[in-house]
Amino acid sequence: MESVLKKSMWWFAAPAACFAILYHQVIAKLVYDWYTDDNYSHGFFIAPIALYFVWERRAALKDAARCGNAWGLVLVAGALAMLLAGVLGSELFLTRFSMLGVLAGAVLFLFGWRHLKIAILPIAFLLLMIPIPAIIFNHIVFPLQLLASQFGEGALVACHIPVLREGNVIHLATTSLEVAEACSGIRSLISLLTLGIVYGYLMDPRVWVRVVLAAGTVPIAIVANGIRVAGTGIAAHYYGAAAAEGFAHTFSGWLIFVAAFIMMFILYRVIVLVAPRRAAVAEAGPPDGEPDAESALAEAGRPGANEGEG
């Protein structure tokens, strides 16, 4: 028994040690970015949540047949090639993304396809802790800045407030407001997307509901940020530029994020109202190999069911 235990510990310790040696610098830089970049400060929570997902699947992982597959080595080799390319090309995203490939390949090689299928969600969830490449980030941020400024302009016009917009700059009678990168909504969008995935996972077992809820966080975040810009413009018009700076500006960000979460909650309630969870479970039927309640009652009431059959 002791030798089996030592062998099992070796199976986990050896790959973990190799992973730590290969990626300690990558992980250190990643943690530094979480700490210094407010757009990705939620990264500290991603790994613990992913570990919770794995812990929740512990029974399924334990019961799944262990059958290592050599294709896992191919996946690991491809991920290591990506790591090398990222190091040589100074591309942080490649080095960080390769970690997920190594994890998936290691699971496949050591335990097999069944284990990988069970663990794929926790591994894929780790993608949310990796900052988006700068070239993609910039292509996302500027359109968000324009959307927020357009939304704010429309709201100000609706409130009969004189306004002139030039790109992402909103000119009022007394001051001008620039919808900068920090006000584009990308920070709340990424955080709300992460929250939406976790909320959907915890609240509803149906995959399509989780997908709709996660996708719904994108327009919710855009609308919420537009409301924030509009509110800032209205406050600046009546109370001056000080209303758009300092504590008031920061507090409005937190307030709008709470409002966005409430919108997400309302979206989920609407989904449940249109497609009740009970109906979905009833249509799906019981798990394979388990009789439903009606069949069990009928079997129990059948003559001779409890006495045996001669």
C-alpha atoms as a PDB file:
ATOM      1  CA  MET A   1       0.000   0.000   0.000  1.00  0.00           C
ATOM      2  CA  GLU A   2       2.825   2.380   0.870  1.00  0.00           C
ATOM      3  CA  SER A   3       4.599   1.702  -2.411  1.00  0.00           C
ATOM      4  CA  VAL A   4       1.398   2.407  -4.356  1.00  0.00           C
ATOM      5  CA  LEU A   5       0.989   5.679  -2.486  1.00  0.00           C
ATOM      6  CA  LYS A   6       4.569   6.702  -3.230  1.00  0.00           C
ATOM      7  CA  LYS A   7       4.108   5.829  -6.893  1.00  0.00           C
ATOM      8  CA  SER A   8       0.919   7.933  -7.071  1.00  0.00           C
ATOM      9  CA  MET A   9       2.682  10.878  -5.424  1.00  0.00           C
ATOM     10  CA  TRP A  10       5.516  10.553  -7.955  1.00  0.00           C
ATOM     11  CA  TRP A  11       3.020  10.697 -10.836  1.00  0.00           C
ATOM     12  CA  PHE A  12       1.834  14.096  -9.567  1.00  0.00           C
ATOM     13  CA  ALA A  13       5.076  15.492  -8.125  1.00  0.00           C
ATOM     14  CA  ALA A  14       7.272  14.958 -11.194  1.00  0.00           C
ATOM     15  CA  PRO A  15       5.008  16.764 -13.722  1.00  0.00           C
ATOM     16  CA  ALA A  16       4.292  19.528 -11.176  1.00  0.00           C
ATOM     17  CA  ALA A  17       8.026  20.091 -10.613  1.00  0.00           C
ATOM     18  CA  CYS A  18       8.713  20.226 -14.355  1.00  0.00           C
ATOM     19  CA  PHE A  19       5.826  22.664 -14.824  1.00  0.00           C
ATOM     20  CA  ALA A  20       7.155  24.923 -12.039  1.00  0.00           C
ATOM     21  CA  ILE A  21      10.661  24.938 -13.521  1.00  0.00           C
ATOM     22  CA  LEU A  22       9.416  25.789 -17.013  1.00  0.00           C
ATOM     23  CA  TYR A  23       6.845  28.417 -16.091  1.00  0.00           C
ATOM     24  CA  HIS A  24       7.984  30.084 -12.866  1.00  0.00           C
ATOM     25  CA  GLN A  25       9.102  33.239 -14.701  1.00  0.00           C
ATOM     26  CA  VAL A  26       5.941  33.283 -16.834  1.00  0.00           C
ATOM     27  CA  ILE A  27       3.732  32.964 -13.755  1.00  0.00           C
ATOM     28  CA  ALA A  28       5.709  35.634 -11.870  1.00  0.00           C
ATOM     29  CA  LYS A  29       5.240  38.140 -14.715  1.00  0.00           C
ATOM     30  CA  LEU A  30       1.570  37.198 -14.986  1.00  0.00           C
ATOM     31  CA  VAL A  31       0.980  37.860 -11.277  1.00  0.00           C
ATOM     32  CA  TYR A  32       2.832  41.165 -11.615  1.00  0.00           C
ATOM     33  CA  ASP A  33       0.462  42.203 -14.420  1.00  0.00           C
ATOM     34  CA  TRP A  34      -2.555  41.320 -12.263  1.00  0.00           C
ATOM     35  CA  TYR A  35      -1.175  43.535  -9.527  1.00  0.00           C
ATOM     36  CA  THR A  36      -0.296  46.521 -11.720  1.00  0.00           C
ATOM     37  CA  ASP A  37      -2.999  46.407 -14.416  1.00  0.00           C
ATOM     38  CA  ASP A  38      -6.503  47.145 -13.112  1.00  0.00           C
ATOM     39  CA  ASN A  39      -8.005  45.601 -16.245  1.00  0.00           C
ATOM     40  CA  TYR A  40      -6.857  42.169 -15.063  1.00  0.00           C
ATOM     41  CA  SER A  41      -6.877  42.468 -11.273  1.00  0.00           C
ATOM     42  CA  HIS A  42      -9.573  39.755 -11.262  1.00  0.00           C
ATOM     43  CA  GLY A  43      -6.849  37.302 -12.319  1.00  0.00           C
ATOM     44  CA  PHE A  44      -6.077  36.575  -8.669  1.00  0.00           C
ATOM     45  CA  PHE A  45      -9.481  34.889  -8.336  1.00  0.00           C
ATOM     46  CA  ILE A  46      -9.385  32.759 -11.493  1.00  0.00           C
ATOM     47  CA  ALA A  47      -7.075  29.962 -10.316  1.00  0.00           C
ATOM     48  CA  PRO A  48      -8.912  29.419  -6.980  1.00  0.00           C
ATOM     49  CA  ILE A  49     -12.251  29.279  -8.814  1.00  0.00           C
ATOM     50  CA  ALA A  50     -10.813  26.799 -11.328  1.00  0.00           C
ATOM     51  CA  LEU A  51      -9.565  24.650  -8.430  1.00  0.00           C
ATOM     52  CA  TYR A  52     -13.078  24.766  -6.984  1.00  0.00           C
ATOM     53  CA  PHE A  53     -14.440  23.505 -10.305  1.00  0.00           C
ATOM     54  CA  VAL A  54     -11.961  20.615 -10.150  1.00  0.00           C
ATOM     55  CA  TRP A  55     -12.867  19.849  -6.523  1.00  0.00           C
ATOM     56  CA  GLU A  56     -16.548  19.806  -7.447  1.00  0.00           C
ATOM     57  CA  ARG A  57     -15.742  17.178 -10.081  1.00  0.00           C
ATOM     58  CA  ARG A  58     -13.650  15.038  -7.724  1.00  0.00           C
ATOM     59  CA  ALA A  59     -16.192  12.176  -7.654  1.00  0.00           C
ATOM     60  CA  ALA A  60     -16.403  12.022 -11.450  1.00  0.00           C
ATOM     61  CA  LEU A  61     -12.615  12.165 -11.764  1.00  0.00           C
ATOM     62  CA  LYS A  62     -12.232   9.383  -9.215  1.00  0.00           C
ATOM     63  CA  ASP A  63     -14.805   7.136 -10.907  1.00  0.00           C
ATOM     64  CA  ALA A  64     -13.519   7.725 -14.447  1.00  0.00           C
ATOM     65  CA  ALA A  65     -11.368   4.958 -15.874  1.00  0.00           C
ATOM     66  CA  ARG A  66      -7.703   5.888 -15.988  1.00  0.00           C
ATOM     67  CA  CYS A  67      -6.347   5.236 -19.463  1.00  0.00           C
ATOM     68  CA  GLY A  68      -3.428   7.447 -20.454  1.00  0.00           C
ATOM     69  CA  ASN A  69      -3.183   8.472 -24.079  1.00  0.00           C
ATOM     70  CA  ALA A  70       0.006   9.145 -26.041  1.00  0.00           C
ATOM     71  CA  TRP A  71      -1.688  12.044 -27.854  1.00  0.00           C
ATOM     72  CA  GLY A  72      -1.183  13.953 -24.619  1.00  0.00           C
ATOM     73  CA  LEU A  73       2.546  14.022 -25.333  1.00  0.00           C
ATOM     74  CA  VAL A  74       1.830  15.515 -28.755  1.00  0.00           C
ATOM     75  CA  LEU A  75      -0.256  18.236 -27.135  1.00  0.00           C
ATOM     76  CA  VAL A  76       2.458  18.928 -24.554  1.00  0.00           C
ATOM     77  CA  ALA A  77       5.106  19.089 -27.291  1.00  0.00           C
ATOM     78  CA  GLY A  78       2.993  21.591 -29.252  1.00  0.00           C
ATOM     79  CA  ALA A  79       2.486  23.714 -26.132  1.00  0.00           C
ATOM     80  CA  LEU A  80       6.228  23.673 -25.380  1.00  0.00           C
ATOM     81  CA  ALA A  81       6.930  24.756 -28.970  1.00  0.00           C
ATOM     82  CA  MET A  82       4.497  27.632 -28.389  1.00  0.00           C
ATOM     83  CA  LEU A  83       6.379  28.494 -25.183  1.00  0.00           C
ATOM     84  CA  LEU A  84       9.677  28.557 -27.074  1.00  0.00           C
ATOM     85  CA  ALA A  85       8.214  30.735 -29.821  1.00  0.00           C
ATOM     86  CA  GLY A  86       6.806  33.118 -27.235  1.00  0.00           C
ATOM     87  CA  VAL A  87      10.119  33.392 -25.397  1.00  0.00           C
ATOM     88  CA  LEU A  88      12.130  33.963 -28.586  1.00  0.00           C
ATOM     89  CA  GLY A  89       9.563  36.410 -29.953  1.00  0.00           C
ATOM     90  CA  SER A  90       8.936  38.161 -26.610  1.00  0.00           C
ATOM     91  CA  GLU A  91       5.231  37.409 -26.971  1.00  0.00           C
ATOM     92  CA  LEU A  92       3.781  37.077 -23.478  1.00  0.00           C
ATOM     93  CA  PHE A  93       0.401  35.776 -24.624  1.00  0.00           C
ATOM     94  CA  LEU A  94       1.944  32.727 -26.314  1.00  0.00           C
ATOM     95  CA  THR A  95       4.015  31.812 -23.263  1.00  0.00           C
ATOM     96  CA  ARG A  96       0.995  32.134 -20.993  1.00  0.00           C
ATOM     97  CA  PHE A  97      -1.430  30.344 -23.304  1.00  0.00           C
ATOM     98  CA  SER A  98       1.007  27.446 -23.627  1.00  0.00           C
ATOM     99  CA  MET A  99       0.461  26.715 -19.915  1.00  0.00           C
ATOM    100  CA  LEU A 100      -3.091  25.625 -20.692  1.00  0.00           C
ATOM    101  CA  GLY A 101      -1.855  23.332 -23.457  1.00  0.00           C
ATOM    102  CA  VAL A 102       0.659  21.715 -21.115  1.00  0.00           C
ATOM    103  CA  LEU A 103      -2.009  21.185 -18.443  1.00  0.00           C
ATOM    104  CA  ALA A 104      -4.459  19.668 -20.919  1.00  0.00           C
ATOM    105  CA  GLY A 105      -1.768  17.471 -22.486  1.00  0.00           C
ATOM    106  CA  ALA A 106      -0.561  16.257 -19.097  1.00  0.00           C
ATOM    107  CA  VAL A 107      -4.097  15.279 -18.072  1.00  0.00           C
ATOM    108  CA  LEU A 108      -4.605  13.460 -21.367  1.00  0.00           C
ATOM    109  CA  PHE A 109      -1.273  11.623 -21.189  1.00  0.00           C
ATOM    110  CA  LEU A 110      -1.531  10.595 -17.525  1.00  0.00           C
ATOM    111  CA  PHE A 111      -5.266   9.897 -17.224  1.00  0.00           C
ATOM    112  CA  GLY A 112      -6.929   9.800 -20.649  1.00  0.00           C
ATOM    113  CA  TRP A 113      -9.725  11.401 -22.653  1.00  0.00           C
ATOM    114  CA  ARG A 114     -12.399  10.847 -20.029  1.00  0.00           C
ATOM    115  CA  HIS A 115     -10.494  12.812 -17.402  1.00  0.00           C
ATOM    116  CA  LEU A 116      -9.684  15.555 -19.905  1.00  0.00           C
ATOM    117  CA  LYS A 117     -13.357  15.883 -20.800  1.00  0.00           C
ATOM    118  CA  ILE A 118     -14.239  16.288 -17.122  1.00  0.00           C
ATOM    119  CA  ALA A 119     -11.432  18.783 -16.473  1.00  0.00           C
ATOM    120  CA  ILE A 120     -11.759  20.804 -19.680  1.00  0.00           C
ATOM    121  CA  LEU A 121     -13.958  23.517 -18.128  1.00  0.00           C
ATOM    122  CA  PRO A 122     -11.570  24.327 -15.254  1.00  0.00           C
ATOM    123  CA  ILE A 123      -8.638  24.381 -17.675  1.00  0.00           C
ATOM    124  CA  ALA A 124     -10.476  26.579 -20.189  1.00  0.00           C
ATOM    125  CA  PHE A 125     -11.610  28.890 -17.386  1.00  0.00           C
ATOM    126  CA  LEU A 126      -7.951  29.709 -16.724  1.00  0.00           C
ATOM    127  CA  LEU A 127      -7.924  31.545 -20.060  1.00  0.00           C
ATOM    128  CA  LEU A 128      -9.685  34.442 -18.316  1.00  0.00           C
ATOM    129  CA  MET A 129      -6.591  35.126 -16.199  1.00  0.00           C
ATOM    130  CA  ILE A 130      -4.423  35.776 -19.287  1.00  0.00           C
ATOM    131  CA  PRO A 131      -4.335  39.390 -20.533  1.00  0.00           C
ATOM    132  CA  ILE A 132      -5.507  39.901 -24.093  1.00  0.00           C
ATOM    133  CA  PRO A 133      -2.689  40.592 -26.617  1.00  0.00           C
ATOM    134  CA  ALA A 134      -2.121  44.313 -27.030  1.00  0.00           C
ATOM    135  CA  ILE A 135      -2.937  44.262 -30.762  1.00  0.00           C
ATOM    136  CA  ILE A 136      -6.355  42.754 -30.027  1.00  0.00           C
ATOM    137  CA  PHE A 137      -6.883  44.826 -26.878  1.00  0.00           C
ATOM    138  CA  ASN A 138      -6.429  48.088 -28.786  1.00  0.00           C
ATOM    139  CA  HIS A 139      -8.877  47.000 -31.487  1.00  0.00           C
ATOM    140  CA  ILE A 140     -11.491  46.335 -28.801  1.00  0.00           C
ATOM    141  CA  VAL A 141     -10.941  49.371 -26.586  1.00  0.00           C
ATOM    142  CA  PHE A 142     -11.306  52.178 -29.143  1.00  0.00           C
ATOM    143  CA  PRO A 143     -14.699  51.008 -30.497  1.00  0.00           C
ATOM    144  CA  LEU A 144     -15.867  50.718 -26.879  1.00  0.00           C
ATOM    145  CA  GLN A 145     -14.728  54.299 -26.272  1.00  0.00           C
ATOM    146  CA  LEU A 146     -16.733  55.466 -29.293  1.00  0.00           C
ATOM    147  CA  LEU A 147     -19.819  53.501 -28.224  1.00  0.00           C
ATOM    148  CA  ALA A 148     -19.685  54.961 -24.724  1.00  0.00           C
ATOM    149  CA  SER A 149     -19.228  58.518 -26.023  1.00  0.00           C
ATOM    150  CA  GLN A 150     -22.077  58.090 -28.547  1.00  0.00           C
ATOM    151  CA  PHE A 151     -24.347  56.720 -25.826  1.00  0.00           C
ATOM    152  CA  GLY A 152     -23.428  59.623 -23.560  1.00  0.00           C
ATOM    153  CA  GLU A 153     -24.029  62.164 -26.320  1.00  0.00           C
ATOM    154  CA  GLY A 154     -27.463  60.710 -27.044  1.00  0.00           C
ATOM    155  CA  ALA A 155     -28.430  60.784 -23.367  1.00  0.00           C
ATOM    156  CA  LEU A 156     -27.278  64.390 -22.993  1.00  0.00           C
ATOM    157  CA  VAL A 157     -29.216  65.458 -26.086  1.00  0.00           C
ATOM    158  CA  ALA A 158     -32.299  63.685 -24.710  1.00  0.00           C
ATOM    159  CA  CYS A 159     -31.897  65.729 -21.511  1.00  0.00           C
ATOM    160  CA  HIS A 160     -31.709  68.945 -23.607  1.00  0.00           C
ATOM    161  CA  ILE A 161     -28.096  69.601 -22.614  1.00  0.00           C
ATOM    162  CA  PRO A 162     -25.953  71.345 -25.271  1.00  0.00           C
ATOM    163  CA  VAL A 163     -23.230  68.931 -26.353  1.00  0.00           C
ATOM    164  CA  LEU A 164     -20.724  68.440 -29.162  1.00  0.00           C
ATOM    165  CA  ARG A 165     -18.904  65.170 -29.644  1.00  0.00           C
ATOM    166  CA  GLU A 166     -15.598  64.785 -31.464  1.00  0.00           C
ATOM    167  CA  GLY A 167     -14.632  61.125 -31.531  1.00  0.00           C
ATOM    168  CA  ASN A 168     -14.344  60.060 -27.917  1.00  0.00           C
ATOM    169  CA  VAL A 169     -14.336  63.637 -26.559  1.00  0.00           C
ATOM    170  CA  ILE A 170     -17.606  65.183 -25.359  1.00  0.00           C
ATOM    171  CA  HIS A 171     -17.671  69.003 -25.235  1.00  0.00           C
ATOM    172  CA  LEU A 172     -20.115  70.626 -22.820  1.00  0.00           C
ATOM    173  CA  ALA A 173     -20.794  74.306 -22.238  1.00  0.00           C
ATOM    174  CA  THR A 174     -18.534  74.440 -19.183  1.00  0.00           C
ATOM    175  CA  THR A 175     -16.061  71.600 -19.679  1.00  0.00           C
ATOM    176  CA  SER A 176     -14.947  68.749 -21.912  1.00  0.00           C
ATOM    177  CA  LEU A 177     -14.994  65.046 -21.073  1.00  0.00           C
ATOM    178  CA  GLU A 178     -12.696  62.497 -22.677  1.00  0.00           C
ATOM    179  CA  VAL A 179     -13.782  58.871 -22.687  1.00  0.00           C
ATOM    180  CA  ALA A 180     -10.294  57.524 -22.106  1.00  0.00           C
ATOM    181  CA  GLU A 181      -9.148  53.908 -22.227  1.00  0.00           C
ATOM    182  CA  ALA A 182      -9.883  53.491 -18.521  1.00  0.00           C
ATOM    183  CA  CYS A 183     -13.459  54.682 -19.167  1.00  0.00           C
ATOM    184  CA  SER A 184     -14.011  52.476 -22.218  1.00  0.00           C
ATOM    185  CA  GLY A 185     -15.688  49.779 -20.119  1.00  0.00           C
ATOM    186  CA  ILE A 186     -13.181  47.059 -20.991  1.00  0.00           C
ATOM    187  CA  ARG A 187     -12.360  46.553 -17.313  1.00  0.00           C
ATOM    188  CA  SER A 188     -15.976  46.046 -16.274  1.00  0.00           C
ATOM    189  CA  LEU A 189     -16.621  43.952 -19.401  1.00  0.00           C
ATOM    190  CA  ILE A 190     -13.864  41.447 -18.590  1.00  0.00           C
ATOM    191  CA  SER A 191     -14.787  41.303 -14.912  1.00  0.00           C
ATOM    192  CA  LEU A 192     -18.500  40.982 -15.647  1.00  0.00           C
ATOM    193  CA  LEU A 193     -17.840  38.243 -18.211  1.00  0.00           C
ATOM    194  CA  THR A 194     -15.911  36.291 -15.593  1.00  0.00           C
ATOM    195  CA  LEU A 195     -18.675  36.853 -13.057  1.00  0.00           C
ATOM    196  CA  GLY A 196     -21.312  35.841 -15.599  1.00  0.00           C
ATOM    197  CA  ILE A 197     -19.579  32.529 -16.341  1.00  0.00           C
ATOM    198  CA  VAL A 198     -19.279  31.699 -12.640  1.00  0.00           C
ATOM    199  CA  TYR A 199     -22.840  32.824 -11.881  1.00  0.00           C
ATOM    200  CA  GLY A 200     -24.277  30.798 -14.752  1.00  0.00           C
ATOM    201  CA  TYR A 201     -22.292  27.732 -13.731  1.00  0.00           C
ATOM    202  CA  LEU A 202     -23.525  27.901 -10.143  1.00  0.00           C
ATOM    203  CA  MET A 203     -27.140  28.768 -10.906  1.00  0.00           C
ATOM    204  CA  ASP A 204     -28.152  26.574 -13.835  1.00  0.00           C
ATOM    205  CA  PRO A 205     -26.930  23.210 -15.185  1.00  0.00           C
ATOM    206  CA  ARG A 206     -28.138  23.855 -18.743  1.00  0.00           C
ATOM    207  CA  VAL A 207     -25.267  24.672 -21.084  1.00  0.00           C
ATOM    208  CA  TRP A 208     -27.270  26.966 -23.356  1.00  0.00           C
ATOM    209  CA  VAL A 209     -28.392  29.063 -20.381  1.00  0.00           C
ATOM    210  CA  ARG A 210     -24.777  29.476 -19.271  1.00  0.00           C
ATOM    211  CA  VAL A 211     -23.731  30.502 -22.781  1.00  0.00           C
ATOM    212  CA  VAL A 212     -26.567  33.033 -23.113  1.00  0.00           C
ATOM    213  CA  LEU A 213     -25.831  34.470 -19.680  1.00  0.00           C
ATOM    214  CA  ALA A 214     -22.113  34.814 -20.426  1.00  0.00           C
ATOM    215  CA  ALA A 215     -22.773  36.352 -23.856  1.00  0.00           C
ATOM    216  CA  GLY A 216     -25.352  38.694 -22.330  1.00  0.00           C
ATOM    217  CA  THR A 217     -22.717  40.265 -20.099  1.00  0.00           C
ATOM    218  CA  VAL A 218     -21.144  41.945 -23.150  1.00  0.00           C
ATOM    219  CA  PRO A 219     -24.094  44.208 -24.098  1.00  0.00           C
ATOM    220  CA  ILE A 220     -24.894  44.678 -20.405  1.00  0.00           C
ATOM    221  CA  ALA A 221     -21.377  45.978 -19.734  1.00  0.00           C
ATOM    222  CA  ILE A 222     -21.526  48.278 -22.792  1.00  0.00           C
ATOM    223  CA  VAL A 223     -24.915  49.730 -21.799  1.00  0.00           C
ATOM    224  CA  ALA A 224     -23.865  50.125 -18.162  1.00  0.00           C
ATOM    225  CA  ASN A 225     -20.711  52.000 -19.152  1.00  0.00           C
ATOM    226  CA  GLY A 226     -22.726  54.200 -21.497  1.00  0.00           C
ATOM    227  CA  ILE A 227     -25.026  55.071 -18.607  1.00  0.00           C
ATOM    228  CA  ARG A 228     -21.977  55.947 -16.513  1.00  0.00           C
ATOM    229  CA  VAL A 229     -20.627  58.289 -19.195  1.00  0.00           C
ATOM    230  CA  ALA A 230     -24.043  59.904 -19.594  1.00  0.00           C
ATOM    231  CA  GLY A 231     -24.409  60.335 -15.839  1.00  0.00           C
ATOM    232  CA  THR A 232     -20.942  61.853 -15.613  1.00  0.00           C
ATOM    233  CA  GLY A 233     -21.798  64.301 -18.393  1.00  0.00           C
ATOM    234  CA  ILE A 234     -25.032  65.343 -16.721  1.00  0.00           C
ATOM    235  CA  ALA A 235     -23.263  65.800 -13.373  1.00  0.00           C
ATOM    236  CA  ALA A 236     -20.480  67.806 -15.017  1.00  0.00           C
ATOM    237  CA  HIS A 237     -23.031  70.067 -16.730  1.00  0.00           C
ATOM    238  CA  TYR A 238     -24.820  70.958 -13.509  1.00  0.00           C
ATOM    239  CA  TYR A 239     -22.023  70.768 -10.940  1.00  0.00           C
ATOM    240  CA  GLY A 240     -18.845  71.414 -12.915  1.00  0.00           C
ATOM    241  CA  ALA A 241     -15.817  69.346 -13.891  1.00  0.00           C
ATOM    242  CA  ALA A 242     -15.189  68.288 -10.268  1.00  0.00           C
ATOM    243  CA  ALA A 243     -18.199  65.948 -10.518  1.00  0.00           C
ATOM    244  CA  ALA A 244     -16.336  63.937 -13.158  1.00  0.00           C
ATOM    245  CA  GLU A 245     -13.115  63.556 -11.219  1.00  0.00           C
ATOM    246  CA  GLY A 246     -11.738  62.004  -8.059  1.00  0.00           C
ATOM    247  CA  PHE A 247     -13.909  60.048  -5.663  1.00  0.00           C
ATOM    248  CA  ALA A 248     -17.153  60.786  -7.502  1.00  0.00           C
ATOM    249  CA  HIS A 249     -15.789  59.270 -10.703  1.00  0.00           C
ATOM    250  CA  THR A 250     -14.416  56.175  -8.940  1.00  0.00           C
ATOM    251  CA  PHE A 251     -17.581  55.661  -6.909  1.00  0.00           C
ATOM    252  CA  SER A 252     -19.749  55.904 -10.014  1.00  0.00           C
ATOM    253  CA  GLY A 253     -17.695  53.065 -11.530  1.00  0.00           C
ATOM    254  CA  TRP A 254     -18.435  50.774  -8.592  1.00  0.00           C
ATOM    255  CA  LEU A 255     -22.076  51.796  -8.580  1.00  0.00           C
ATOM    256  CA  ILE A 256     -22.487  51.061 -12.274  1.00  0.00           C
ATOM    257  CA  PHE A 257     -20.787  47.677 -11.885  1.00  0.00           C
ATOM    258  CA  VAL A 258     -23.331  46.754  -9.193  1.00  0.00           C
ATOM    259  CA  ALA A 259     -26.083  47.926 -11.548  1.00  0.00           C
ATOM    260  CA  ALA A 260     -24.624  45.738 -14.309  1.00  0.00           C
ATOM    261  CA  PHE A 261     -24.678  42.726 -12.009  1.00  0.00           C
ATOM    262  CA  ILE A 262     -28.342  43.447 -11.221  1.00  0.00           C
ATOM    263  CA  MET A 263     -29.031  43.555 -14.978  1.00  0.00           C
ATOM    264  CA  MET A 264     -27.346  40.167 -15.328  1.00  0.00           C
ATOM    265  CA  PHE A 265     -29.489  38.802 -12.510  1.00  0.00           C
ATOM    266  CA  ILE A 266     -32.619  40.139 -14.223  1.00  0.00           C
ATOM    267  CA  LEU A 267     -31.508  38.518 -17.496  1.00  0.00           C
ATOM    268  CA  TYR A 268     -31.210  35.168 -15.737  1.00  0.00           C
ATOM    269  CA  ARG A 269     -34.652  35.550 -14.152  1.00  0.00           C
ATOM    270  CA  VAL A 270     -36.125  36.297 -17.589  1.00  0.00           C
ATOM    271  CA  ILE A 271     -34.453  33.183 -19.011  1.00  0.00           C
ATOM    272  CA  VAL A 272     -35.833  31.054 -16.178  1.00  0.00           C
ATOM    273  CA  LEU A 273     -39.281  32.598 -16.675  1.00  0.00           C
ATOM    274  CA  VAL A 274     -39.273  31.793 -20.398  1.00  0.00           C
ATOM    275  CA  ALA A 275     -37.637  28.350 -20.019  1.00  0.00           C
ATOM    276  CA  PRO A 276     -38.243  27.062 -16.479  1.00  0.00           C
ATOM    277  CA  ARG A 277     -35.516  24.885 -15.080  1.00  0.00           C
ATOM    278  CA  ARG A 278     -37.965  22.242 -13.815  1.00  0.00           C
ATOM    279  CA  ALA A 279     -39.398  21.730 -17.284  1.00  0.00           C
ATOM    280  CA  ALA A 280     -35.909  21.330 -18.675  1.00  0.00           C
ATOM    281  CA  VAL A 281     -34.992  18.730 -16.056  1.00  0.00           C
ATOM    282  CA  ALA A 282     -38.238  16.829 -16.635  1.00  0.00           C
ATOM    283  CA  GLU A 283     -37.671  16.772 -20.392  1.00  0.00           C
ATOM    284  CA  ALA A 284     -34.102  15.597 -19.918  1.00  0.00           C
ATOM    285  CA  GLY A 285     -35.253  12.680 -17.752  1.00  0.00           C
ATOM    286  CA  PRO A 286     -33.214  10.876 -15.118  1.00  0.00           C
ATOM    287  CA  PRO A 287     -29.524  10.033 -15.582  1.00  0.00           C
ATOM    288  CA  ASP A 288     -28.689   6.900 -17.522  1.00  0.00           C
ATOM    289  CA  GLY A 289     -29.237   3.756 -15.527  1.00  0.00           C
ATOM    290  CA  GLU A 290     -31.500   5.384 -12.923  1.00  0.00           C
ATOM    291  CA  PRO A 291     -35.286   4.820 -13.017  1.00  0.00           C
ATOM    292  CA  ASP A 292     -37.521   7.847 -12.647  1.00  0.00           C
ATOM    293  CA  ALA A 293     -39.838   8.298  -9.653  1.00  0.00           C
ATOM    294  CA  GLU A 294     -42.964   6.977 -11.381  1.00  0.00           C
ATOM    295  CA  SER A 295     -41.214   3.799 -12.530  1.00  0.00           C
ATOM    296  CA  ALA A 296     -39.859   3.201  -9.049  1.00  0.00           C
ATOM    297  CA  LEU A 297     -43.309   3.586  -7.465  1.00  0.00           C
ATOM    298  CA  ALA A 298     -44.874   1.285 -10.041  1.00  0.00           C
ATOM    299  CA  GLU A 299     -42.206  -1.319  -9.413  1.00  0.00           C
ATOM    300  CA  ALA A 300     -42.701  -1.081  -5.642  1.00  0.00           C
ATOM    301  CA  GLY A 301     -46.491  -1.512  -5.967  1.00  0.00           C
ATOM    302  CA  ARG A 302     -46.305  -4.465  -8.341  1.00  0.00           C
ATOM    303  CA  PRO A 303     -47.527  -7.731  -6.755  1.00  0.00           C
ATOM    304  CA  GLY A 304     -44.620  -9.900  -5.745  1.00  0.00           C
ATOM    305  CA  ALA A 305     -42.095  -7.119  -6.097  1.00  0.00           C
ATOM    306  CA  ASN A 306     -41.059  -7.340  -2.481  1.00  0.00           C
ATOM    307  CA  GLU A 307     -41.628 -11.085  -2.087  1.00  0.00           C
ATOM    308  CA  GLY A 308     -39.613 -12.318  -5.002  1.00  0.00           C
ATOM    309  CA  GLU A 309     -40.811 -14.334  -7.956  1.00  0.00           C
ATOM    310  CA  GLY A 310     -41.010 -18.064  -7.934  1.00  0.00           C
END
